[in-house]
PDB file of N, CA and C in Angstrom:
ATOM      1  N   UNK A   1      28.530  27.737  49.826  1.00  0.00           N
ATOM      2  CA  UNK A   1      28.627  26.872  48.674  1.00  0.00           C
ATOM      3  C   UNK A   1      27.274  26.245  48.353  1.00  0.00           C
ATOM      4  N   UNK A   2      26.506  25.889  49.389  1.00  0.00           N
ATOM      5  CA  UNK A   2      25.210  25.278  49.177  1.00  0.00           C
ATOM      6  C   UNK A   2      24.252  26.251  48.481  1.00  0.00           C
ATOM      7  N   UNK A   3      24.338  27.564  48.841  1.00  0.00           N
ATOM      8  CA  UNK A   3      23.483  28.567  48.210  1.00  0.00           C
ATOM      9  C   UNK A   3      23.799  28.693  46.720  1.00  0.00           C
ATOM     10  N   UNK A   4      25.062  28.595  46.359  1.00  0.00           N
ATOM     11  CA  UNK A   4      25.471  28.697  44.963  1.00  0.00           C
ATOM     12  C   UNK A   4      24.915  27.525  44.154  1.00  0.00           C
ATOM     13  N   UNK A   5      24.971  26.316  44.696  1.00  0.00           N
ATOM     14  CA  UNK A   5      24.425  25.137  44.013  1.00  0.00           C
ATOM     15  C   UNK A   5      22.903  25.254  43.854  1.00  0.00           C
ATOM     16  N   UNK A   6      22.240  25.743  44.888  1.00  0.00           N
ATOM     17  CA  UNK A   6      20.790  25.911  44.832  1.00  0.00           C
ATOM     18  C   UNK A   6      20.417  26.937  43.773  1.00  0.00           C
ATOM     19  N   UNK A   7      21.154  28.044  43.724  1.00  0.00           N
ATOM     20  CA  UNK A   7      20.902  29.079  42.724  1.00  0.00           C
ATOM     21  C   UNK A   7      21.126  28.520  41.310  1.00  0.00           C
ATOM     22  N   UNK A   8      22.218  27.799  41.124  1.00  0.00           N
ATOM     23  CA  UNK A   8      22.527  27.227  39.806  1.00  0.00           C
ATOM     24  C   UNK A   8      21.449  26.233  39.371  1.00  0.00           C
ATOM     25  N   UNK A   9      20.978  25.425  40.296  1.00  0.00           N
ATOM     26  CA  UNK A   9      19.924  24.462  39.989  1.00  0.00           C
ATOM     27  C   UNK A   9      18.630  25.176  39.601  1.00  0.00           C
ATOM     28  N   UNK A  10      18.239  26.176  40.360  1.00  0.00           N
ATOM     29  CA  UNK A  10      17.019  26.937  40.056  1.00  0.00           C
ATOM     30  C   UNK A  10      17.132  27.644  38.711  1.00  0.00           C
ATOM     31  N   UNK A  11      18.289  28.218  38.433  1.00  0.00           N
ATOM     32  CA  UNK A  11      18.510  28.894  37.162  1.00  0.00           C
ATOM     33  C   UNK A  11      18.424  27.903  36.001  1.00  0.00           C
ATOM     34  N   UNK A  12      19.033  26.750  36.149  1.00  0.00           N
ATOM     35  CA  UNK A  12      18.996  25.729  35.102  1.00  0.00           C
ATOM     36  C   UNK A  12      17.573  25.256  34.826  1.00  0.00           C
ATOM     37  N   UNK A  13      16.817  25.002  35.869  1.00  0.00           N
ATOM     38  CA  UNK A  13      15.430  24.551  35.707  1.00  0.00           C
ATOM     39  C   UNK A  13      14.596  25.652  35.047  1.00  0.00           C
ATOM     40  N   UNK A  14      14.746  26.893  35.488  1.00  0.00           N
ATOM     41  CA  UNK A  14      13.986  28.009  34.913  1.00  0.00           C
ATOM     42  C   UNK A  14      14.286  28.195  33.436  1.00  0.00           C
ATOM     43  N   UNK A  15      15.564  28.178  33.090  1.00  0.00           N
ATOM     44  CA  UNK A  15      15.947  28.333  31.681  1.00  0.00           C
ATOM     45  C   UNK A  15      15.455  27.153  30.845  1.00  0.00           C
ATOM     46  N   UNK A  16      15.530  25.958  31.406  1.00  0.00           N
ATOM     47  CA  UNK A  16      15.045  24.780  30.690  1.00  0.00           C
ATOM     48  C   UNK A  16      13.561  24.860  30.393  1.00  0.00           C
ATOM     49  N   UNK A  17      12.785  25.288  31.356  1.00  0.00           N
ATOM     50  CA  UNK A  17      11.343  25.443  31.154  1.00  0.00           C
ATOM     51  C   UNK A  17      11.067  26.546  30.143  1.00  0.00           C
ATOM     52  N   UNK A  18      11.770  27.666  30.249  1.00  0.00           N
ATOM     53  CA  UNK A  18      11.561  28.780  29.331  1.00  0.00           C
ATOM     54  C   UNK A  18      11.867  28.378  27.893  1.00  0.00           C
ATOM     55  N   UNK A  19      13.041  27.794  27.668  1.00  0.00           N
ATOM     56  CA  UNK A  19      13.435  27.462  26.307  1.00  0.00           C
ATOM     57  C   UNK A  19      12.652  26.290  25.734  1.00  0.00           C
ATOM     58  N   UNK A  20      12.224  25.355  26.544  1.00  0.00           N
ATOM     59  CA  UNK A  20      11.430  24.258  26.010  1.00  0.00           C
ATOM     60  C   UNK A  20      10.063  24.740  25.567  1.00  0.00           C
ATOM     61  N   UNK A  21       9.515  25.735  26.248  1.00  0.00           N
ATOM     62  CA  UNK A  21       8.227  26.289  25.852  1.00  0.00           C
ATOM     63  C   UNK A  21       8.318  27.094  24.567  1.00  0.00           C
ATOM     64  N   UNK A  22       9.420  27.746  24.314  1.00  0.00           N
ATOM     65  CA  UNK A  22       9.599  28.571  23.132  1.00  0.00           C
ATOM     66  C   UNK A  22       9.844  27.710  21.897  1.00  0.00           C
ATOM     67  N   UNK A  23      10.452  26.565  22.054  1.00  0.00           N
ATOM     68  CA  UNK A  23      10.884  25.758  20.923  1.00  0.00           C
ATOM     69  C   UNK A  23       9.775  24.955  20.250  1.00  0.00           C
ATOM     70  N   UNK A  24       8.609  24.899  20.840  1.00  0.00           N
ATOM     71  CA  UNK A  24       7.537  24.080  20.274  1.00  0.00           C
ATOM     72  C   UNK A  24       6.931  24.784  19.068  1.00  0.00           C
ATOM     73  N   UNK A  25       6.929  24.106  17.930  1.00  0.00           N
ATOM     74  CA  UNK A  25       6.352  24.687  16.714  1.00  0.00           C
ATOM     75  C   UNK A  25       5.596  23.628  15.924  1.00  0.00           C
ATOM     76  N   UNK A  26       5.034  22.640  16.593  1.00  0.00           N
ATOM     77  CA  UNK A  26       4.195  21.669  15.907  1.00  0.00           C
ATOM     78  C   UNK A  26       2.971  22.415  15.379  1.00  0.00           C
ATOM     79  N   UNK A  27       2.412  21.941  14.278  1.00  0.00           N
ATOM     80  CA  UNK A  27       1.238  22.623  13.772  1.00  0.00           C
ATOM     81  C   UNK A  27       0.540  21.882  12.660  1.00  0.00           C
ATOM     82  N   UNK A  28      -0.617  22.407  12.284  1.00  0.00           N
ATOM     83  CA  UNK A  28      -1.439  21.776  11.266  1.00  0.00           C
ATOM     84  C   UNK A  28      -1.850  22.782  10.206  1.00  0.00           C
ATOM     85  N   UNK A  29      -2.295  22.226   9.088  1.00  0.00           N
ATOM     86  CA  UNK A  29      -2.940  23.009   8.050  1.00  0.00           C
ATOM     87  C   UNK A  29      -4.110  22.168   7.544  1.00  0.00           C
ATOM     88  N   UNK A  30      -5.251  22.820   7.369  1.00  0.00           N
ATOM     89  CA  UNK A  30      -6.452  22.123   6.931  1.00  0.00           C
ATOM     90  C   UNK A  30      -6.963  22.740   5.641  1.00  0.00           C
ATOM     91  N   UNK A  31      -7.383  21.897   4.706  1.00  0.00           N
ATOM     92  CA  UNK A  31      -7.951  22.381   3.456  1.00  0.00           C
ATOM     93  C   UNK A  31      -8.105  21.252   2.464  1.00  0.00           C
ATOM     94  N   UNK A  32      -8.613  21.595   1.286  1.00  0.00           N
ATOM     95  CA  UNK A  32      -8.696  20.626   0.199  1.00  0.00           C
ATOM     96  C   UNK A  32      -7.377  20.630  -0.560  1.00  0.00           C
ATOM     97  N   UNK A  33      -7.052  19.499  -1.140  1.00  0.00           N
ATOM     98  CA  UNK A  33      -5.798  19.381  -1.879  1.00  0.00           C
ATOM     99  C   UNK A  33      -5.880  20.243  -3.135  1.00  0.00           C
ATOM    100  N   UNK A  34      -4.917  21.146  -3.282  1.00  0.00           N
ATOM    101  CA  UNK A  34      -4.865  22.045  -4.427  1.00  0.00           C
ATOM    102  C   UNK A  34      -3.913  21.523  -5.495  1.00  0.00           C
ATOM    103  N   UNK A  35      -2.804  20.916  -5.064  1.00  0.00           N
ATOM    104  CA  UNK A  35      -1.779  20.490  -6.009  1.00  0.00           C
ATOM    105  C   UNK A  35      -0.968  19.347  -5.403  1.00  0.00           C
ATOM    106  N   UNK A  36      -0.638  18.365  -6.230  1.00  0.00           N
ATOM    107  CA  UNK A  36       0.253  17.266  -5.839  1.00  0.00           C
ATOM    108  C   UNK A  36       1.303  17.134  -6.931  1.00  0.00           C
ATOM    109  N   UNK A  37       2.549  17.065  -6.528  1.00  0.00           N
ATOM    110  CA  UNK A  37       3.640  16.819  -7.477  1.00  0.00           C
ATOM    111  C   UNK A  37       4.375  15.566  -7.018  1.00  0.00           C
ATOM    112  N   UNK A  38       4.536  14.616  -7.931  1.00  0.00           N
ATOM    113  CA  UNK A  38       5.350  13.426  -7.677  1.00  0.00           C
ATOM    114  C   UNK A  38       6.725  13.762  -8.242  1.00  0.00           C
ATOM    115  N   UNK A  39       7.710  13.879  -7.364  1.00  0.00           N
ATOM    116  CA  UNK A  39       9.017  14.398  -7.769  1.00  0.00           C
ATOM    117  C   UNK A  39      10.101  13.342  -7.678  1.00  0.00           C
ATOM    118  N   UNK A  40      10.765  13.110  -8.797  1.00  0.00           N
ATOM    119  CA  UNK A  40      11.852  12.155  -8.825  1.00  0.00           C
ATOM    120  C   UNK A  40      11.380  10.778  -8.401  1.00  0.00           C
ATOM    121  N   UNK A  41      12.228  10.090  -7.687  1.00  0.00           N
ATOM    122  CA  UNK A  41      11.917   8.723  -7.276  1.00  0.00           C
ATOM    123  C   UNK A  41      11.470   8.628  -5.825  1.00  0.00           C
ATOM    124  N   UNK A  42      11.435   9.786  -5.111  1.00  0.00           N
ATOM    125  CA  UNK A  42      11.216   9.609  -3.678  1.00  0.00           C
ATOM    126  C   UNK A  42      10.505  10.724  -2.931  1.00  0.00           C
ATOM    127  N   UNK A  43       9.892  11.699  -3.591  1.00  0.00           N
ATOM    128  CA  UNK A  43       9.249  12.796  -2.865  1.00  0.00           C
ATOM    129  C   UNK A  43       7.859  13.064  -3.456  1.00  0.00           C
ATOM    130  N   UNK A  44       6.901  13.265  -2.578  1.00  0.00           N
ATOM    131  CA  UNK A  44       5.572  13.733  -2.963  1.00  0.00           C
ATOM    132  C   UNK A  44       5.406  15.100  -2.305  1.00  0.00           C
ATOM    133  N   UNK A  45       5.029  16.110  -3.088  1.00  0.00           N
ATOM    134  CA  UNK A  45       4.757  17.442  -2.549  1.00  0.00           C
ATOM    135  C   UNK A  45       3.266  17.715  -2.642  1.00  0.00           C
ATOM    136  N   UNK A  46       2.716  18.339  -1.603  1.00  0.00           N
ATOM    137  CA  UNK A  46       1.289  18.623  -1.523  1.00  0.00           C
ATOM    138  C   UNK A  46       1.095  20.072  -1.095  1.00  0.00           C
ATOM    139  N   UNK A  47       0.117  20.748  -1.719  1.00  0.00           N
ATOM    140  CA  UNK A  47      -0.326  22.067  -1.298  1.00  0.00           C
ATOM    141  C   UNK A  47      -1.825  21.996  -1.037  1.00  0.00           C
ATOM    142  N   UNK A  48      -2.274  22.712  -0.034  1.00  0.00           N
ATOM    143  CA  UNK A  48      -3.703  22.758   0.286  1.00  0.00           C
ATOM    144  C   UNK A  48      -4.273  24.118  -0.110  1.00  0.00           C
ATOM    145  N   UNK A  49      -5.589  24.128  -0.424  1.00  0.00           N
ATOM    146  CA  UNK A  49      -6.278  25.367  -0.775  1.00  0.00           C
ATOM    147  C   UNK A  49      -6.380  26.295   0.418  1.00  0.00           C
ATOM    148  N   UNK A  50      -6.622  27.547   0.112  1.00  0.00           N
ATOM    149  CA  UNK A  50      -6.925  28.518   1.146  1.00  0.00           C
ATOM    150  C   UNK A  50      -5.712  29.181   1.744  1.00  0.00           C
ATOM    151  N   UNK A  51      -6.019  30.091   2.640  1.00  0.00           N
ATOM    152  CA  UNK A  51      -4.968  30.808   3.342  1.00  0.00           C
ATOM    153  C   UNK A  51      -4.633  30.061   4.620  1.00  0.00           C
ATOM    154  N   UNK A  52      -3.607  30.493   5.272  1.00  0.00           N
ATOM    155  CA  UNK A  52      -3.249  29.875   6.534  1.00  0.00           C
ATOM    156  C   UNK A  52      -2.175  28.826   6.407  1.00  0.00           C
ATOM    157  N   UNK A  53      -1.269  28.993   5.420  1.00  0.00           N
ATOM    158  CA  UNK A  53      -0.153  28.055   5.303  1.00  0.00           C
ATOM    159  C   UNK A  53       0.635  28.028   6.607  1.00  0.00           C
ATOM    160  N   UNK A  54       0.957  26.828   7.076  1.00  0.00           N
ATOM    161  CA  UNK A  54       1.726  26.687   8.311  1.00  0.00           C
ATOM    162  C   UNK A  54       3.208  26.816   7.975  1.00  0.00           C
ATOM    163  N   UNK A  55       3.815  27.941   8.345  1.00  0.00           N
ATOM    164  CA  UNK A  55       5.229  28.186   8.038  1.00  0.00           C
ATOM    165  C   UNK A  55       6.015  28.611   9.275  1.00  0.00           C
ATOM    166  N   UNK A  56       5.600  28.155  10.445  1.00  0.00           N
ATOM    167  CA  UNK A  56       6.272  28.541  11.684  1.00  0.00           C
ATOM    168  C   UNK A  56       7.664  27.927  11.773  1.00  0.00           C
ATOM    169  N   UNK A  57       7.778  26.651  11.499  1.00  0.00           N
ATOM    170  CA  UNK A  57       9.058  25.951  11.632  1.00  0.00           C
ATOM    171  C   UNK A  57       9.785  25.864  10.298  1.00  0.00           C
ATOM    172  N   UNK A  58       9.085  25.519   9.258  1.00  0.00           N
ATOM    173  CA  UNK A  58       9.659  25.364   7.930  1.00  0.00           C
ATOM    174  C   UNK A  58       9.013  26.407   7.025  1.00  0.00           C
ATOM    175  N   UNK A  59       9.800  27.151   6.307  1.00  0.00           N
ATOM    176  CA  UNK A  59       9.284  28.298   5.566  1.00  0.00           C
ATOM    177  C   UNK A  59       9.111  28.008   4.081  1.00  0.00           C
ATOM    178  N   UNK A  60       8.779  26.785   3.715  1.00  0.00           N
ATOM    179  CA  UNK A  60       8.686  26.370   2.323  1.00  0.00           C
ATOM    180  C   UNK A  60       7.441  26.820   1.587  1.00  0.00           C
ATOM    181  N   UNK A  61       6.777  27.855   2.031  1.00  0.00           N
ATOM    182  CA  UNK A  61       5.667  28.432   1.306  1.00  0.00           C
ATOM    183  C   UNK A  61       4.421  27.573   1.245  1.00  0.00           C
ATOM    184  N   UNK A  62       4.141  26.814   2.270  1.00  0.00           N
ATOM    185  CA  UNK A  62       2.943  25.987   2.284  1.00  0.00           C
ATOM    186  C   UNK A  62       3.123  24.608   1.674  1.00  0.00           C
ATOM    187  N   UNK A  63       4.324  24.276   1.254  1.00  0.00           N
ATOM    188  CA  UNK A  63       4.606  22.956   0.680  1.00  0.00           C
ATOM    189  C   UNK A  63       4.745  21.934   1.795  1.00  0.00           C
ATOM    190  N   UNK A  64       4.052  20.815   1.620  1.00  0.00           N
ATOM    191  CA  UNK A  64       4.148  19.670   2.525  1.00  0.00           C
ATOM    192  C   UNK A  64       4.750  18.523   1.732  1.00  0.00           C
ATOM    193  N   UNK A  65       5.653  17.759   2.335  1.00  0.00           N
ATOM    194  CA  UNK A  65       6.283  16.660   1.604  1.00  0.00           C
ATOM    195  C   UNK A  65       6.227  15.355   2.389  1.00  0.00           C
ATOM    196  N   UNK A  66       6.237  14.278   1.610  1.00  0.00           N
ATOM    197  CA  UNK A  66       6.362  12.927   2.160  1.00  0.00           C
ATOM    198  C   UNK A  66       7.474  12.256   1.361  1.00  0.00           C
ATOM    199  N   UNK A  67       8.469  11.759   2.050  1.00  0.00           N
ATOM    200  CA  UNK A  67       9.577  11.057   1.393  1.00  0.00           C
ATOM    201  C   UNK A  67       9.290   9.558   1.358  1.00  0.00           C
ATOM    202  N   UNK A  68       9.762   8.901   0.318  1.00  0.00           N
ATOM    203  CA  UNK A  68       9.564   7.455   0.184  1.00  0.00           C
ATOM    204  C   UNK A  68      10.177   6.691   1.352  1.00  0.00           C
ATOM    205  N   UNK A  69      11.128   7.291   2.043  1.00  0.00           N
ATOM    206  CA  UNK A  69      11.756   6.636   3.195  1.00  0.00           C
ATOM    207  C   UNK A  69      10.849   6.623   4.427  1.00  0.00           C
ATOM    208  N   UNK A  70       9.755   7.386   4.400  1.00  0.00           N
ATOM    209  CA  UNK A  70       8.789   7.409   5.505  1.00  0.00           C
ATOM    210  C   UNK A  70       8.123   6.034   5.589  1.00  0.00           C
ATOM    211  N   UNK A  71       8.077   5.455   6.762  1.00  0.00           N
ATOM    212  CA  UNK A  71       7.502   4.128   6.959  1.00  0.00           C
ATOM    213  C   UNK A  71       6.037   4.011   6.553  1.00  0.00           C
ATOM    214  N   UNK A  72       5.309   5.119   6.555  1.00  0.00           N
ATOM    215  CA  UNK A  72       3.898   5.118   6.170  1.00  0.00           C
ATOM    216  C   UNK A  72       3.668   5.899   4.874  1.00  0.00           C
ATOM    217  N   UNK A  73       4.681   5.964   4.030  1.00  0.00           N
ATOM    218  CA  UNK A  73       4.614   6.709   2.775  1.00  0.00           C
ATOM    219  C   UNK A  73       3.373   6.350   1.961  1.00  0.00           C
ATOM    220  N   UNK A  74       3.179   5.070   1.685  1.00  0.00           N
ATOM    221  CA  UNK A  74       2.055   4.632   0.843  1.00  0.00           C
ATOM    222  C   UNK A  74       0.709   4.942   1.488  1.00  0.00           C
ATOM    223  N   UNK A  75       0.613   4.746   2.786  1.00  0.00           N
ATOM    224  CA  UNK A  75      -0.645   4.983   3.484  1.00  0.00           C
ATOM    225  C   UNK A  75      -1.001   6.475   3.503  1.00  0.00           C
ATOM    226  N   UNK A  76      -0.009   7.321   3.762  1.00  0.00           N
ATOM    227  CA  UNK A  76      -0.250   8.766   3.777  1.00  0.00           C
ATOM    228  C   UNK A  76      -0.635   9.255   2.379  1.00  0.00           C
ATOM    229  N   UNK A  77       0.108   8.798   1.380  1.00  0.00           N
ATOM    230  CA  UNK A  77      -0.166   9.217   0.004  1.00  0.00           C
ATOM    231  C   UNK A  77      -1.548   8.740  -0.440  1.00  0.00           C
ATOM    232  N   UNK A  78      -1.915   7.509  -0.082  1.00  0.00           N
ATOM    233  CA  UNK A  78      -3.238   6.974  -0.433  1.00  0.00           C
ATOM    234  C   UNK A  78      -4.347   7.784   0.221  1.00  0.00           C
ATOM    235  N   UNK A  79      -4.191   8.157   1.473  1.00  0.00           N
ATOM    236  CA  UNK A  79      -5.208   8.951   2.170  1.00  0.00           C
ATOM    237  C   UNK A  79      -5.364  10.320   1.511  1.00  0.00           C
ATOM    238  N   UNK A  80      -4.255  10.929   1.127  1.00  0.00           N
ATOM    239  CA  UNK A  80      -4.292  12.241   0.478  1.00  0.00           C
ATOM    240  C   UNK A  80      -4.943  12.135  -0.898  1.00  0.00           C
ATOM    241  N   UNK A  81      -4.586  11.116  -1.671  1.00  0.00           N
ATOM    242  CA  UNK A  81      -5.191  10.935  -3.000  1.00  0.00           C
ATOM    243  C   UNK A  81      -6.687  10.661  -2.912  1.00  0.00           C
ATOM    244  N   UNK A  82      -7.092   9.836  -1.961  1.00  0.00           N
ATOM    245  CA  UNK A  82      -8.511   9.519  -1.796  1.00  0.00           C
ATOM    246  C   UNK A  82      -9.304  10.775  -1.451  1.00  0.00           C
ATOM    247  N   UNK A  83      -8.776  11.585  -0.533  1.00  0.00           N
ATOM    248  CA  UNK A  83      -9.456  12.819  -0.151  1.00  0.00           C
ATOM    249  C   UNK A  83      -9.486  13.806  -1.314  1.00  0.00           C
ATOM    250  N   UNK A  84      -8.408  13.877  -2.064  1.00  0.00           N
ATOM    251  CA  UNK A  84      -8.358  14.794  -3.210  1.00  0.00           C
ATOM    252  C   UNK A  84      -9.382  14.402  -4.260  1.00  0.00           C
ATOM    253  N   UNK A  85      -9.471  13.127  -4.576  1.00  0.00           N
ATOM    254  CA  UNK A  85     -10.408  12.696  -5.610  1.00  0.00           C
ATOM    255  C   UNK A  85     -11.865  12.799  -5.149  1.00  0.00           C
ATOM    256  N   UNK A  86     -12.109  12.742  -3.840  1.00  0.00           N
ATOM    257  CA  UNK A  86     -13.460  12.872  -3.298  1.00  0.00           C
ATOM    258  C   UNK A  86     -13.816  14.323  -2.975  1.00  0.00           C
ATOM    259  N   UNK A  87     -12.841  15.236  -3.132  1.00  0.00           N
ATOM    260  CA  UNK A  87     -13.089  16.642  -2.825  1.00  0.00           C
ATOM    261  C   UNK A  87     -13.252  16.918  -1.341  1.00  0.00           C
ATOM    262  N   UNK A  88     -12.650  16.081  -0.507  1.00  0.00           N
ATOM    263  CA  UNK A  88     -12.781  16.220   0.947  1.00  0.00           C
ATOM    264  C   UNK A  88     -11.651  17.062   1.536  1.00  0.00           C
ATOM    265  N   UNK A  89     -11.931  17.647   2.668  1.00  0.00           N
ATOM    266  CA  UNK A  89     -10.939  18.424   3.406  1.00  0.00           C
ATOM    267  C   UNK A  89     -10.067  17.484   4.224  1.00  0.00           C
ATOM    268  N   UNK A  90      -8.787  17.791   4.281  1.00  0.00           N
ATOM    269  CA  UNK A  90      -7.857  17.016   5.105  1.00  0.00           C
ATOM    270  C   UNK A  90      -7.105  17.951   6.035  1.00  0.00           C
ATOM    271  N   UNK A  91      -6.505  17.372   7.047  1.00  0.00           N
ATOM    272  CA  UNK A  91      -5.597  18.104   7.930  1.00  0.00           C
ATOM    273  C   UNK A  91      -4.260  17.402   7.892  1.00  0.00           C
ATOM    274  N   UNK A  92      -3.210  18.177   7.634  1.00  0.00           N
ATOM    275  CA  UNK A  92      -1.839  17.660   7.665  1.00  0.00           C
ATOM    276  C   UNK A  92      -1.181  18.190   8.927  1.00  0.00           C
ATOM    277  N   UNK A  93      -0.401  17.358   9.581  1.00  0.00           N
ATOM    278  CA  UNK A  93       0.258  17.731  10.833  1.00  0.00           C
ATOM    279  C   UNK A  93       1.762  17.674  10.664  1.00  0.00           C
ATOM    280  N   UNK A  94       2.437  18.727  11.129  1.00  0.00           N
ATOM    281  CA  UNK A  94       3.901  18.792  11.134  1.00  0.00           C
ATOM    282  C   UNK A  94       4.381  18.703  12.574  1.00  0.00           C
ATOM    283  N   UNK A  95       5.325  17.833  12.811  1.00  0.00           N
ATOM    284  CA  UNK A  95       5.934  17.666  14.131  1.00  0.00           C
ATOM    285  C   UNK A  95       7.344  18.233  14.068  1.00  0.00           C
ATOM    286  N   UNK A  96       7.628  19.266  14.861  1.00  0.00           N
ATOM    287  CA  UNK A  96       8.930  19.939  14.825  1.00  0.00           C
ATOM    288  C   UNK A  96      10.077  18.941  14.968  1.00  0.00           C
ATOM    289  N   UNK A  97       9.933  17.973  15.851  1.00  0.00           N
ATOM    290  CA  UNK A  97      10.993  16.995  16.081  1.00  0.00           C
ATOM    291  C   UNK A  97      11.283  16.162  14.828  1.00  0.00           C
ATOM    292  N   UNK A  98      10.335  16.101  13.914  1.00  0.00           N
ATOM    293  CA  UNK A  98      10.466  15.354  12.660  1.00  0.00           C
ATOM    294  C   UNK A  98      11.346  16.108  11.670  1.00  0.00           C
ATOM    295  N   UNK A  99      11.484  17.413  11.855  1.00  0.00           N
ATOM    296  CA  UNK A  99      12.332  18.243  11.006  1.00  0.00           C
ATOM    297  C   UNK A  99      11.641  18.686   9.730  1.00  0.00           C
ATOM    298  N   UNK A 100      12.327  19.529   8.983  1.00  0.00           N
ATOM    299  CA  UNK A 100      11.809  20.030   7.712  1.00  0.00           C
ATOM    300  C   UNK A 100      12.215  19.085   6.586  1.00  0.00           C
ATOM    301  N   UNK A 101      11.444  19.097   5.525  1.00  0.00           N
ATOM    302  CA  UNK A 101      11.724  18.263   4.366  1.00  0.00           C
ATOM    303  C   UNK A 101      12.471  19.034   3.290  1.00  0.00           C
ATOM    304  N   UNK A 102      12.521  18.454   2.097  1.00  0.00           N
ATOM    305  CA  UNK A 102      13.150  19.113   0.961  1.00  0.00           C
ATOM    306  C   UNK A 102      12.479  20.465   0.723  1.00  0.00           C
ATOM    307  N   UNK A 103      13.216  21.410   0.230  1.00  0.00           N
ATOM    308  CA  UNK A 103      12.735  22.767  -0.072  1.00  0.00           C
ATOM    309  C   UNK A 103      12.193  23.458   1.169  1.00  0.00           C
ATOM    310  N   UNK A 104      12.713  23.090   2.335  1.00  0.00           N
ATOM    311  CA  UNK A 104      12.293  23.643   3.627  1.00  0.00           C
ATOM    312  C   UNK A 104      10.786  23.500   3.840  1.00  0.00           C
ATOM    313  N   UNK A 105      10.258  22.358   3.384  1.00  0.00           N
ATOM    314  CA  UNK A 105       8.830  22.066   3.503  1.00  0.00           C
ATOM    315  C   UNK A 105       8.503  21.466   4.864  1.00  0.00           C
ATOM    316  N   UNK A 106       7.214  21.442   5.175  1.00  0.00           N
ATOM    317  CA  UNK A 106       6.736  20.707   6.348  1.00  0.00           C
ATOM    318  C   UNK A 106       6.662  19.234   5.971  1.00  0.00           C
ATOM    319  N   UNK A 107       7.280  18.383   6.759  1.00  0.00           N
ATOM    320  CA  UNK A 107       7.114  16.945   6.541  1.00  0.00           C
ATOM    321  C   UNK A 107       5.755  16.535   7.092  1.00  0.00           C
ATOM    322  N   UNK A 108       5.046  15.702   6.350  1.00  0.00           N
ATOM    323  CA  UNK A 108       3.739  15.229   6.793  1.00  0.00           C
ATOM    324  C   UNK A 108       3.960  14.153   7.851  1.00  0.00           C
ATOM    325  N   UNK A 109       3.622  14.464   9.090  1.00  0.00           N
ATOM    326  CA  UNK A 109       3.746  13.498  10.164  1.00  0.00           C
ATOM    327  C   UNK A 109       2.505  12.621  10.240  1.00  0.00           C
ATOM    328  N   UNK A 110       1.319  13.259  10.146  1.00  0.00           N
ATOM    329  CA  UNK A 110       0.087  12.487  10.019  1.00  0.00           C
ATOM    330  C   UNK A 110      -0.911  13.201   9.134  1.00  0.00           C
ATOM    331  N   UNK A 111      -1.858  12.415   8.612  1.00  0.00           N
ATOM    332  CA  UNK A 111      -2.924  12.912   7.743  1.00  0.00           C
ATOM    333  C   UNK A 111      -4.243  12.552   8.394  1.00  0.00           C
ATOM    334  N   UNK A 112      -5.152  13.524   8.498  1.00  0.00           N
ATOM    335  CA  UNK A 112      -6.478  13.262   9.033  1.00  0.00           C
ATOM    336  C   UNK A 112      -7.491  13.544   7.925  1.00  0.00           C
ATOM    337  N   UNK A 113      -8.309  12.538   7.604  1.00  0.00           N
ATOM    338  CA  UNK A 113      -9.380  12.718   6.626  1.00  0.00           C
ATOM    339  C   UNK A 113     -10.705  12.475   7.327  1.00  0.00           C
ATOM    340  N   UNK A 114     -11.714  13.236   6.944  1.00  0.00           N
ATOM    341  CA  UNK A 114     -13.053  13.073   7.513  1.00  0.00           C
ATOM    342  C   UNK A 114     -14.010  12.872   6.359  1.00  0.00           C
ATOM    343  N   UNK A 115     -14.744  11.746   6.372  1.00  0.00           N
ATOM    344  CA  UNK A 115     -15.712  11.431   5.303  1.00  0.00           C
ATOM    345  C   UNK A 115     -17.111  11.392   5.861  1.00  0.00           C
TER     346      UNK A 115
END
């Protein structure tokens, strides 16, 4: 009986490590702002220039969104607008645990601007 419990424990740990490693799909996209759409009363959509759209977790065709319900909505939007008007490159980060946004977009978890 002890061997069976040991085997079950080892199997559970192995499967847990295997599946946790496969499930990670956090990622970034870097570029200049190509397009911003203010949609309805609560969504901002952003597209960045260039190739390399991050579509591992959310397949929304390179669309990144920020919902008004996001606690840092104004700060993220301000950083993106400032970089867009200055012609600067930004990096947007998607966190898998944050989930996908409207239109199966990447939700903007953080914005990095370099001036």
